[in-house]
Amino acid sequence: MNSWFTRNLGDAMLAGEALDYIKALFLSEYAESDRAEELAVFVRHESEGRLHCEAKVYFSPASVVVAKAVGATPCKKPSSDGLGLVAGSELSWSRFFPGNGD
């Protein structure tokens, strides 16, 4: 599967608990994976012109089990601009966003 997945967590100020849940689920599911650089969850605060920003979570294609467990939907690969790593190996930066200096 090559599709990324996304889930909008709504108001970024209230997304902490949902992010913690996603991280715990990710760590539980992939704790002993030998494909660490392919498994990652990222987050970005996006406002799209609105007053308040929303937290949008992006799941790498190999993280499909967790993505589906939290109701994420398929999407295009996100830009690395403004992304933060929620869970996964730091190696995932160079795997998914080569040349960005991350």
PDB file of N, CA and C in Angstrom:
ATOM      1  N   MET A   1       0.845  -1.180   0.000  1.00  0.00           N
ATOM      2  CA  MET A   1       0.000   0.000   0.000  1.00  0.00           C
ATOM      3  C   MET A   1       0.889   1.241   0.000  1.00  0.00           C
ATOM      4  N   ASN A   2       0.584   2.200  -0.862  1.00  0.00           N
ATOM      5  CA  ASN A   2       1.403   3.397  -0.996  1.00  0.00           C
ATOM      6  C   ASN A   2       0.724   4.665  -0.518  1.00  0.00           C
ATOM      7  N   SER A   3      -0.491   4.555  -0.058  1.00  0.00           N
ATOM      8  CA  SER A   3      -1.247   5.733   0.339  1.00  0.00           C
ATOM      9  C   SER A   3      -0.911   6.167   1.759  1.00  0.00           C
ATOM     10  N   TRP A   4      -0.786   7.463   1.926  1.00  0.00           N
ATOM     11  CA  TRP A   4      -0.693   8.053   3.261  1.00  0.00           C
ATOM     12  C   TRP A   4      -2.111   8.147   3.804  1.00  0.00           C
ATOM     13  N   PHE A   5      -2.220   8.415   5.091  1.00  0.00           N
ATOM     14  CA  PHE A   5      -3.519   8.559   5.733  1.00  0.00           C
ATOM     15  C   PHE A   5      -3.508   9.804   6.603  1.00  0.00           C
ATOM     16  N   THR A   6      -4.679  10.400   6.786  1.00  0.00           N
ATOM     17  CA  THR A   6      -4.781  11.581   7.632  1.00  0.00           C
ATOM     18  C   THR A   6      -6.014  11.492   8.518  1.00  0.00           C
ATOM     19  N   ARG A   7      -5.916  12.176   9.644  1.00  0.00           N
ATOM     20  CA  ARG A   7      -7.051  12.297  10.560  1.00  0.00           C
ATOM     21  C   ARG A   7      -7.002  13.694  11.149  1.00  0.00           C
ATOM     22  N   ASN A   8      -8.094  14.417  11.035  1.00  0.00           N
ATOM     23  CA  ASN A   8      -8.202  15.744  11.613  1.00  0.00           C
ATOM     24  C   ASN A   8      -8.674  15.576  13.060  1.00  0.00           C
ATOM     25  N   LEU A   9      -7.850  16.071  13.988  1.00  0.00           N
ATOM     26  CA  LEU A   9      -8.196  15.957  15.407  1.00  0.00           C
ATOM     27  C   LEU A   9      -8.954  17.167  15.925  1.00  0.00           C
ATOM     28  N   GLY A  10      -9.217  18.121  15.044  1.00  0.00           N
ATOM     29  CA  GLY A  10      -9.952  19.303  15.457  1.00  0.00           C
ATOM     30  C   GLY A  10      -9.043  20.336  16.104  1.00  0.00           C
ATOM     31  N   ASP A  11      -9.603  21.125  16.977  1.00  0.00           N
ATOM     32  CA  ASP A  11      -8.897  22.224  17.636  1.00  0.00           C
ATOM     33  C   ASP A  11      -7.565  21.739  18.212  1.00  0.00           C
ATOM     34  N   ALA A  12      -6.486  22.357  17.770  1.00  0.00           N
ATOM     35  CA  ALA A  12      -5.142  21.951  18.193  1.00  0.00           C
ATOM     36  C   ALA A  12      -4.948  22.072  19.699  1.00  0.00           C
ATOM     37  N   MET A  13      -5.633  23.016  20.318  1.00  0.00           N
ATOM     38  CA  MET A  13      -5.499  23.209  21.768  1.00  0.00           C
ATOM     39  C   MET A  13      -6.110  22.041  22.559  1.00  0.00           C
ATOM     40  N   LEU A  14      -6.990  21.281  21.923  1.00  0.00           N
ATOM     41  CA  LEU A  14      -7.681  20.189  22.598  1.00  0.00           C
ATOM     42  C   LEU A  14      -7.260  18.807  22.091  1.00  0.00           C
ATOM     43  N   ALA A  15      -6.224  18.757  21.267  1.00  0.00           N
ATOM     44  CA  ALA A  15      -5.840  17.507  20.604  1.00  0.00           C
ATOM     45  C   ALA A  15      -4.842  16.666  21.392  1.00  0.00           C
ATOM     46  N   GLY A  16      -4.354  17.150  22.505  1.00  0.00           N
ATOM     47  CA  GLY A  16      -3.312  16.451  23.254  1.00  0.00           C
ATOM     48  C   GLY A  16      -3.663  15.030  23.638  1.00  0.00           C
ATOM     49  N   GLU A  17      -4.855  14.818  24.149  1.00  0.00           N
ATOM     50  CA  GLU A  17      -5.260  13.485  24.579  1.00  0.00           C
ATOM     51  C   GLU A  17      -5.348  12.524  23.394  1.00  0.00           C
ATOM     52  N   ALA A  18      -5.901  12.991  22.288  1.00  0.00           N
ATOM     53  CA  ALA A  18      -5.994  12.156  21.088  1.00  0.00           C
ATOM     54  C   ALA A  18      -4.604  11.823  20.550  1.00  0.00           C
ATOM     55  N   LEU A  19      -3.696  12.793  20.561  1.00  0.00           N
ATOM     56  CA  LEU A  19      -2.320  12.534  20.115  1.00  0.00           C
ATOM     57  C   LEU A  19      -1.627  11.519  21.012  1.00  0.00           C
ATOM     58  N   ASP A  20      -1.835  11.627  22.314  1.00  0.00           N
ATOM     59  CA  ASP A  20      -1.254  10.665  23.250  1.00  0.00           C
ATOM     60  C   ASP A  20      -1.774   9.258  22.980  1.00  0.00           C
ATOM     61  N   TYR A  21      -3.068   9.157  22.690  1.00  0.00           N
ATOM     62  CA  TYR A  21      -3.667   7.855  22.378  1.00  0.00           C
ATOM     63  C   TYR A  21      -3.057   7.269  21.105  1.00  0.00           C
ATOM     64  N   ILE A  22      -2.935   8.094  20.075  1.00  0.00           N
ATOM     65  CA  ILE A  22      -2.364   7.634  18.805  1.00  0.00           C
ATOM     66  C   ILE A  22      -0.920   7.169  19.003  1.00  0.00           C
ATOM     67  N   LYS A  23      -0.160   7.925  19.767  1.00  0.00           N
ATOM     68  CA  LYS A  23       1.239   7.554  20.020  1.00  0.00           C
ATOM     69  C   LYS A  23       1.310   6.221  20.776  1.00  0.00           C
ATOM     70  N   ALA A  24       0.498   6.048  21.800  1.00  0.00           N
ATOM     71  CA  ALA A  24       0.497   4.802  22.565  1.00  0.00           C
ATOM     72  C   ALA A  24       0.091   3.610  21.698  1.00  0.00           C
ATOM     73  N   LEU A  25      -0.921   3.807  20.861  1.00  0.00           N
ATOM     74  CA  LEU A  25      -1.370   2.746  19.959  1.00  0.00           C
ATOM     75  C   LEU A  25      -0.264   2.392  18.968  1.00  0.00           C
ATOM     76  N   PHE A  26       0.391   3.403  18.428  1.00  0.00           N
ATOM     77  CA  PHE A  26       1.495   3.205  17.486  1.00  0.00           C
ATOM     78  C   PHE A  26       2.611   2.398  18.157  1.00  0.00           C
ATOM     79  N   LEU A  27       3.021   2.819  19.345  1.00  0.00           N
ATOM     80  CA  LEU A  27       4.114   2.144  20.046  1.00  0.00           C
ATOM     81  C   LEU A  27       3.746   0.706  20.398  1.00  0.00           C
ATOM     82  N   SER A  28       2.499   0.474  20.751  1.00  0.00           N
ATOM     83  CA  SER A  28       2.037  -0.874  21.057  1.00  0.00           C
ATOM     84  C   SER A  28       2.056  -1.761  19.815  1.00  0.00           C
ATOM     85  N   GLU A  29       1.606  -1.224  18.716  1.00  0.00           N
ATOM     86  CA  GLU A  29       1.496  -1.991  17.466  1.00  0.00           C
ATOM     87  C   GLU A  29       2.856  -2.285  16.840  1.00  0.00           C
ATOM     88  N   TYR A  30       3.771  -1.333  16.917  1.00  0.00           N
ATOM     89  CA  TYR A  30       5.023  -1.451  16.170  1.00  0.00           C
ATOM     90  C   TYR A  30       6.275  -1.516  17.044  1.00  0.00           C
ATOM     91  N   ALA A  31       6.125  -1.848  18.313  1.00  0.00           N
ATOM     92  CA  ALA A  31       7.251  -1.844  19.246  1.00  0.00           C
ATOM     93  C   ALA A  31       8.428  -2.693  18.777  1.00  0.00           C
ATOM     94  N   GLU A  32       8.167  -3.784  18.131  1.00  0.00           N
ATOM     95  CA  GLU A  32       9.254  -4.678  17.741  1.00  0.00           C
ATOM     96  C   GLU A  32       9.390  -4.808  16.232  1.00  0.00           C
ATOM     97  N   SER A  33       9.004  -3.817  15.498  1.00  0.00           N
ATOM     98  CA  SER A  33       9.077  -3.874  14.047  1.00  0.00           C
ATOM     99  C   SER A  33      10.516  -3.723  13.557  1.00  0.00           C
ATOM    100  N   ASP A  34      10.826  -4.421  12.500  1.00  0.00           N
ATOM    101  CA  ASP A  34      12.141  -4.292  11.878  1.00  0.00           C
ATOM    102  C   ASP A  34      12.093  -3.306  10.702  1.00  0.00           C
ATOM    103  N   ARG A  35      10.991  -2.581  10.571  1.00  0.00           N
ATOM    104  CA  ARG A  35      10.821  -1.600   9.491  1.00  0.00           C
ATOM    105  C   ARG A  35      10.655  -0.191  10.059  1.00  0.00           C
ATOM    106  N   ALA A  36      11.421   0.139  11.072  1.00  0.00           N
ATOM    107  CA  ALA A  36      11.253   1.395  11.812  1.00  0.00           C
ATOM    108  C   ALA A  36      11.236   2.630  10.920  1.00  0.00           C
ATOM    109  N   GLU A  37      12.086   2.676   9.918  1.00  0.00           N
ATOM    110  CA  GLU A  37      12.156   3.882   9.085  1.00  0.00           C
ATOM    111  C   GLU A  37      10.931   4.057   8.197  1.00  0.00           C
ATOM    112  N   GLU A  38      10.098   3.025   8.073  1.00  0.00           N
ATOM    113  CA  GLU A  38       8.889   3.108   7.254  1.00  0.00           C
ATOM    114  C   GLU A  38       7.646   3.452   8.073  1.00  0.00           C
ATOM    115  N   LEU A  39       7.787   3.453   9.386  1.00  0.00           N
ATOM    116  CA  LEU A  39       6.654   3.654  10.282  1.00  0.00           C
ATOM    117  C   LEU A  39       6.760   5.006  10.964  1.00  0.00           C
ATOM    118  N   ALA A  40       5.782   5.861  10.725  1.00  0.00           N
ATOM    119  CA  ALA A  40       5.831   7.182  11.342  1.00  0.00           C
ATOM    120  C   ALA A  40       4.450   7.816  11.380  1.00  0.00           C
ATOM    121  N   VAL A  41       4.277   8.646  12.401  1.00  0.00           N
ATOM    122  CA  VAL A  41       3.078   9.465  12.529  1.00  0.00           C
ATOM    123  C   VAL A  41       3.565  10.899  12.720  1.00  0.00           C
ATOM    124  N   PHE A  42       3.040  11.789  11.914  1.00  0.00           N
ATOM    125  CA  PHE A  42       3.412  13.198  11.963  1.00  0.00           C
ATOM    126  C   PHE A  42       2.177  14.030  12.286  1.00  0.00           C
ATOM    127  N   VAL A  43       2.404  15.245  12.772  1.00  0.00           N
ATOM    128  CA  VAL A  43       1.301  16.162  13.042  1.00  0.00           C
ATOM    129  C   VAL A  43       1.669  17.552  12.533  1.00  0.00           C
ATOM    130  N   ARG A  44       0.661  18.281  12.120  1.00  0.00           N
ATOM    131  CA  ARG A  44       0.858  19.673  11.714  1.00  0.00           C
ATOM    132  C   ARG A  44      -0.371  20.456  12.152  1.00  0.00           C
ATOM    133  N   HIS A  45      -0.143  21.656  12.643  1.00  0.00           N
ATOM    134  CA  HIS A  45      -1.249  22.562  12.972  1.00  0.00           C
ATOM    135  C   HIS A  45      -1.548  23.372  11.718  1.00  0.00           C
ATOM    136  N   GLU A  46      -2.777  23.267  11.254  1.00  0.00           N
ATOM    137  CA  GLU A  46      -3.186  23.917  10.011  1.00  0.00           C
ATOM    138  C   GLU A  46      -4.385  24.819  10.273  1.00  0.00           C
ATOM    139  N   SER A  47      -4.338  26.035   9.717  1.00  0.00           N
ATOM    140  CA  SER A  47      -5.454  26.955   9.940  1.00  0.00           C
ATOM    141  C   SER A  47      -6.317  27.146   8.701  1.00  0.00           C
ATOM    142  N   GLU A  48      -5.745  26.995   7.528  1.00  0.00           N
ATOM    143  CA  GLU A  48      -6.481  27.156   6.275  1.00  0.00           C
ATOM    144  C   GLU A  48      -7.338  28.416   6.280  1.00  0.00           C
ATOM    145  N   GLY A  49      -6.790  29.507   6.825  1.00  0.00           N
ATOM    146  CA  GLY A  49      -7.466  30.794   6.811  1.00  0.00           C
ATOM    147  C   GLY A  49      -8.447  31.019   7.952  1.00  0.00           C
ATOM    148  N   ARG A  50      -8.629  30.039   8.804  1.00  0.00           N
ATOM    149  CA  ARG A  50      -9.557  30.195   9.927  1.00  0.00           C
ATOM    150  C   ARG A  50      -8.832  30.797  11.122  1.00  0.00           C
ATOM    151  N   LEU A  51      -9.593  31.262  12.072  1.00  0.00           N
ATOM    152  CA  LEU A  51      -9.033  31.864  13.275  1.00  0.00           C
ATOM    153  C   LEU A  51      -8.262  30.850  14.114  1.00  0.00           C
ATOM    154  N   HIS A  52      -8.836  29.664  14.309  1.00  0.00           N
ATOM    155  CA  HIS A  52      -8.200  28.631  15.123  1.00  0.00           C
ATOM    156  C   HIS A  52      -7.611  27.548  14.223  1.00  0.00           C
ATOM    157  N   CYS A  53      -6.468  27.009  14.642  1.00  0.00           N
ATOM    158  CA  CYS A  53      -5.865  25.947  13.838  1.00  0.00           C
ATOM    159  C   CYS A  53      -6.341  24.586  14.333  1.00  0.00           C
ATOM    160  N   GLU A  54      -6.252  23.630  13.435  1.00  0.00           N
ATOM    161  CA  GLU A  54      -6.619  22.262  13.731  1.00  0.00           C
ATOM    162  C   GLU A  54      -5.372  21.394  13.679  1.00  0.00           C
ATOM    163  N   ALA A  55      -5.353  20.349  14.462  1.00  0.00           N
ATOM    164  CA  ALA A  55      -4.248  19.390  14.436  1.00  0.00           C
ATOM    165  C   ALA A  55      -4.600  18.290  13.445  1.00  0.00           C
ATOM    166  N   LYS A  56      -3.770  18.158  12.433  1.00  0.00           N
ATOM    167  CA  LYS A  56      -3.964  17.094  11.451  1.00  0.00           C
ATOM    168  C   LYS A  56      -2.811  16.116  11.579  1.00  0.00           C
ATOM    169  N   VAL A  57      -3.167  14.858  11.716  1.00  0.00           N
ATOM    170  CA  VAL A  57      -2.192  13.799  11.886  1.00  0.00           C
ATOM    171  C   VAL A  57      -2.046  13.068  10.558  1.00  0.00           C
ATOM    172  N   TYR A  58      -0.792  12.767  10.204  1.00  0.00           N
ATOM    173  CA  TYR A  58      -0.481  12.059   8.962  1.00  0.00           C
ATOM    174  C   TYR A  58       0.242  10.766   9.295  1.00  0.00           C
ATOM    175  N   PHE A  59      -0.224   9.676   8.720  1.00  0.00           N
ATOM    176  CA  PHE A  59       0.329   8.352   8.949  1.00  0.00           C
ATOM    177  C   PHE A  59       1.029   7.869   7.689  1.00  0.00           C
ATOM    178  N   SER A  60       2.262   7.393   7.826  1.00  0.00           N
ATOM    179  CA  SER A  60       2.978   6.845   6.678  1.00  0.00           C
ATOM    180  C   SER A  60       2.238   5.604   6.180  1.00  0.00           C
ATOM    181  N   PRO A  61       2.449   5.237   4.910  1.00  0.00           N
ATOM    182  CA  PRO A  61       1.739   4.078   4.358  1.00  0.00           C
ATOM    183  C   PRO A  61       1.889   2.792   5.177  1.00  0.00           C
ATOM    184  N   ALA A  62       3.063   2.533   5.719  1.00  0.00           N
ATOM    185  CA  ALA A  62       3.278   1.305   6.488  1.00  0.00           C
ATOM    186  C   ALA A  62       2.593   1.340   7.851  1.00  0.00           C
ATOM    187  N   SER A  63       2.107   2.501   8.253  1.00  0.00           N
ATOM    188  CA  SER A  63       1.417   2.646   9.540  1.00  0.00           C
ATOM    189  C   SER A  63      -0.087   2.466   9.395  1.00  0.00           C
ATOM    190  N   VAL A  64      -0.488   1.736   8.391  1.00  0.00           N
ATOM    191  CA  VAL A  64      -1.892   1.574   8.027  1.00  0.00           C
ATOM    192  C   VAL A  64      -2.739   0.978   9.154  1.00  0.00           C
ATOM    193  N   VAL A  65      -2.188   0.086   9.946  1.00  0.00           N
ATOM    194  CA  VAL A  65      -2.976  -0.556  11.011  1.00  0.00           C
ATOM    195  C   VAL A  65      -3.459   0.488  12.023  1.00  0.00           C
ATOM    196  N   VAL A  66      -2.549   1.345  12.449  1.00  0.00           N
ATOM    197  CA  VAL A  66      -2.916   2.389  13.410  1.00  0.00           C
ATOM    198  C   VAL A  66      -3.824   3.419  12.741  1.00  0.00           C
ATOM    199  N   ALA A  67      -3.508   3.780  11.511  1.00  0.00           N
ATOM    200  CA  ALA A  67      -4.328   4.753  10.791  1.00  0.00           C
ATOM    201  C   ALA A  67      -5.786   4.300  10.719  1.00  0.00           C
ATOM    202  N   LYS A  68      -5.987   3.052  10.355  1.00  0.00           N
ATOM    203  CA  LYS A  68      -7.354   2.535  10.248  1.00  0.00           C
ATOM    204  C   LYS A  68      -8.016   2.414  11.617  1.00  0.00           C
ATOM    205  N   ALA A  69      -7.229   2.102  12.633  1.00  0.00           N
ATOM    206  CA  ALA A  69      -7.787   1.962  13.985  1.00  0.00           C
ATOM    207  C   ALA A  69      -8.337   3.276  14.525  1.00  0.00           C
ATOM    208  N   VAL A  70      -7.808   4.408  14.041  1.00  0.00           N
ATOM    209  CA  VAL A  70      -8.286   5.704  14.530  1.00  0.00           C
ATOM    210  C   VAL A  70      -9.154   6.426  13.503  1.00  0.00           C
ATOM    211  N   GLY A  71      -9.554   5.709  12.458  1.00  0.00           N
ATOM    212  CA  GLY A  71     -10.468   6.281  11.484  1.00  0.00           C
ATOM    213  C   GLY A  71      -9.849   7.260  10.511  1.00  0.00           C
ATOM    214  N   ALA A  72      -8.553   7.129  10.261  1.00  0.00           N
ATOM    215  CA  ALA A  72      -7.893   8.006   9.288  1.00  0.00           C
ATOM    216  C   ALA A  72      -8.312   7.617   7.872  1.00  0.00           C
ATOM    217  N   THR A  73      -8.239   8.575   6.982  1.00  0.00           N
ATOM    218  CA  THR A  73      -8.625   8.344   5.592  1.00  0.00           C
ATOM    219  C   THR A  73      -7.420   8.545   4.678  1.00  0.00           C
ATOM    220  N   PRO A  74      -7.424   7.886   3.511  1.00  0.00           N
ATOM    221  CA  PRO A  74      -6.302   8.031   2.579  1.00  0.00           C
ATOM    222  C   PRO A  74      -6.127   9.487   2.131  1.00  0.00           C
ATOM    223  N   CYS A  75      -4.874   9.855   1.898  1.00  0.00           N
ATOM    224  CA  CYS A  75      -4.569  11.206   1.429  1.00  0.00           C
ATOM    225  C   CYS A  75      -3.256  11.175   0.648  1.00  0.00           C
ATOM    226  N   LYS A  76      -2.910  12.310   0.059  1.00  0.00           N
ATOM    227  CA  LYS A  76      -1.621  12.448  -0.605  1.00  0.00           C
ATOM    228  C   LYS A  76      -0.529  12.596   0.445  1.00  0.00           C
ATOM    229  N   LYS A  77       0.698  12.322   0.046  1.00  0.00           N
ATOM    230  CA  LYS A  77       1.833  12.520   0.940  1.00  0.00           C
ATOM    231  C   LYS A  77       1.885  13.993   1.329  1.00  0.00           C
ATOM    232  N   PRO A  78       1.999  14.294   2.627  1.00  0.00           N
ATOM    233  CA  PRO A  78       2.030  15.694   3.050  1.00  0.00           C
ATOM    234  C   PRO A  78       3.373  16.347   2.745  1.00  0.00           C
ATOM    235  N   SER A  79       3.364  17.642   2.665  1.00  0.00           N
ATOM    236  CA  SER A  79       4.602  18.408   2.584  1.00  0.00           C
ATOM    237  C   SER A  79       5.268  18.328   3.950  1.00  0.00           C
ATOM    238  N   SER A  80       6.577  18.423   3.977  1.00  0.00           N
ATOM    239  CA  SER A  80       7.275  18.373   5.262  1.00  0.00           C
ATOM    240  C   SER A  80       7.207  19.701   6.016  1.00  0.00           C
ATOM    241  N   ASP A  81       6.749  20.753   5.358  1.00  0.00           N
ATOM    242  CA  ASP A  81       6.666  22.068   5.992  1.00  0.00           C
ATOM    243  C   ASP A  81       5.761  22.036   7.220  1.00  0.00           C
ATOM    244  N   GLY A  82       6.318  22.366   8.362  1.00  0.00           N
ATOM    245  CA  GLY A  82       5.551  22.459   9.592  1.00  0.00           C
ATOM    246  C   GLY A  82       5.207  21.140  10.258  1.00  0.00           C
ATOM    247  N   LEU A  83       5.677  20.022   9.705  1.00  0.00           N
ATOM    248  CA  LEU A  83       5.375  18.729  10.314  1.00  0.00           C
ATOM    249  C   LEU A  83       6.225  18.486  11.548  1.00  0.00           C
ATOM    250  N   GLY A  84       5.648  17.795  12.496  1.00  0.00           N
ATOM    251  CA  GLY A  84       6.372  17.331  13.671  1.00  0.00           C
ATOM    252  C   GLY A  84       6.176  15.838  13.802  1.00  0.00           C
ATOM    253  N   LEU A  85       7.199  15.131  14.231  1.00  0.00           N
ATOM    254  CA  LEU A  85       7.124  13.687  14.400  1.00  0.00           C
ATOM    255  C   LEU A  85       6.447  13.368  15.738  1.00  0.00           C
ATOM    256  N   VAL A  86       5.349  12.637  15.689  1.00  0.00           N
ATOM    257  CA  VAL A  86       4.625  12.227  16.885  1.00  0.00           C
ATOM    258  C   VAL A  86       5.165  10.894  17.388  1.00  0.00           C
ATOM    259  N   ALA A  87       5.344   9.967  16.457  1.00  0.00           N
ATOM    260  CA  ALA A  87       5.827   8.633  16.813  1.00  0.00           C
ATOM    261  C   ALA A  87       6.552   8.037  15.621  1.00  0.00           C
ATOM    262  N   GLY A  88       7.585   7.285  15.927  1.00  0.00           N
ATOM    263  CA  GLY A  88       8.374   6.653  14.879  1.00  0.00           C
ATOM    264  C   GLY A  88       9.835   7.033  15.000  1.00  0.00           C
ATOM    265  N   SER A  89      10.619   6.449  14.165  1.00  0.00           N
ATOM    266  CA  SER A  89      12.058   6.672  14.183  1.00  0.00           C
ATOM    267  C   SER A  89      12.428   7.995  13.527  1.00  0.00           C
ATOM    268  N   GLU A  90      13.463   8.617  14.036  1.00  0.00           N
ATOM    269  CA  GLU A  90      13.996   9.824  13.388  1.00  0.00           C
ATOM    270  C   GLU A  90      14.456   9.512  11.966  1.00  0.00           C
ATOM    271  N   LEU A  91      14.762   8.242  11.686  1.00  0.00           N
ATOM    272  CA  LEU A  91      15.158   7.828  10.339  1.00  0.00           C
ATOM    273  C   LEU A  91      14.035   8.039   9.319  1.00  0.00           C
ATOM    274  N   SER A  92      12.806   8.108   9.818  1.00  0.00           N
ATOM    275  CA  SER A  92      11.671   8.289   8.903  1.00  0.00           C
ATOM    276  C   SER A  92      11.742   9.627   8.173  1.00  0.00           C
ATOM    277  N   TRP A  93      12.366  10.641   8.796  1.00  0.00           N
ATOM    278  CA  TRP A  93      12.500  11.941   8.115  1.00  0.00           C
ATOM    279  C   TRP A  93      13.235  11.791   6.794  1.00  0.00           C
ATOM    280  N   SER A  94      14.405  11.133   6.837  1.00  0.00           N
ATOM    281  CA  SER A  94      15.192  10.994   5.610  1.00  0.00           C
ATOM    282  C   SER A  94      14.548  10.018   4.641  1.00  0.00           C
ATOM    283  N   ARG A  95      13.789   9.088   5.153  1.00  0.00           N
ATOM    284  CA  ARG A  95      13.085   8.124   4.297  1.00  0.00           C
ATOM    285  C   ARG A  95      11.979   8.799   3.493  1.00  0.00           C
ATOM    286  N   PHE A  96      11.187   9.626   4.164  1.00  0.00           N
ATOM    287  CA  PHE A  96      10.029  10.224   3.507  1.00  0.00           C
ATOM    288  C   PHE A  96      10.279  11.614   2.928  1.00  0.00           C
ATOM    289  N   PHE A  97      11.233  12.344   3.504  1.00  0.00           N
ATOM    290  CA  PHE A  97      11.477  13.714   3.067  1.00  0.00           C
ATOM    291  C   PHE A  97      12.973  13.934   2.843  1.00  0.00           C
ATOM    292  N   PRO A  98      13.568  13.188   1.910  1.00  0.00           N
ATOM    293  CA  PRO A  98      15.000  13.318   1.675  1.00  0.00           C
ATOM    294  C   PRO A  98      15.360  14.719   1.186  1.00  0.00           C
ATOM    295  N   GLY A  99      16.512  15.193   1.628  1.00  0.00           N
ATOM    296  CA  GLY A  99      16.992  16.489   1.175  1.00  0.00           C
ATOM    297  C   GLY A  99      16.403  17.677   1.902  1.00  0.00           C
ATOM    298  N   ASN A 100      15.570  17.454   2.913  1.00  0.00           N
ATOM    299  CA  ASN A 100      14.964  18.571   3.629  1.00  0.00           C
ATOM    300  C   ASN A 100      15.768  18.981   4.855  1.00  0.00           C
ATOM    301  N   GLY A 101      16.825  18.239   5.146  1.00  0.00           N
ATOM    302  CA  GLY A 101      17.650  18.582   6.302  1.00  0.00           C
ATOM    303  C   GLY A 101      17.042  18.193   7.623  1.00  0.00           C
ATOM    304  N   ASP A 102      15.969  17.419   7.600  1.00  0.00           N
ATOM    305  CA  ASP A 102      15.310  16.985   8.839  1.00  0.00           C
ATOM    306  C   ASP A 102      15.983  15.749   9.365  1.00  0.00           C
TER     307      ASP A 102
END
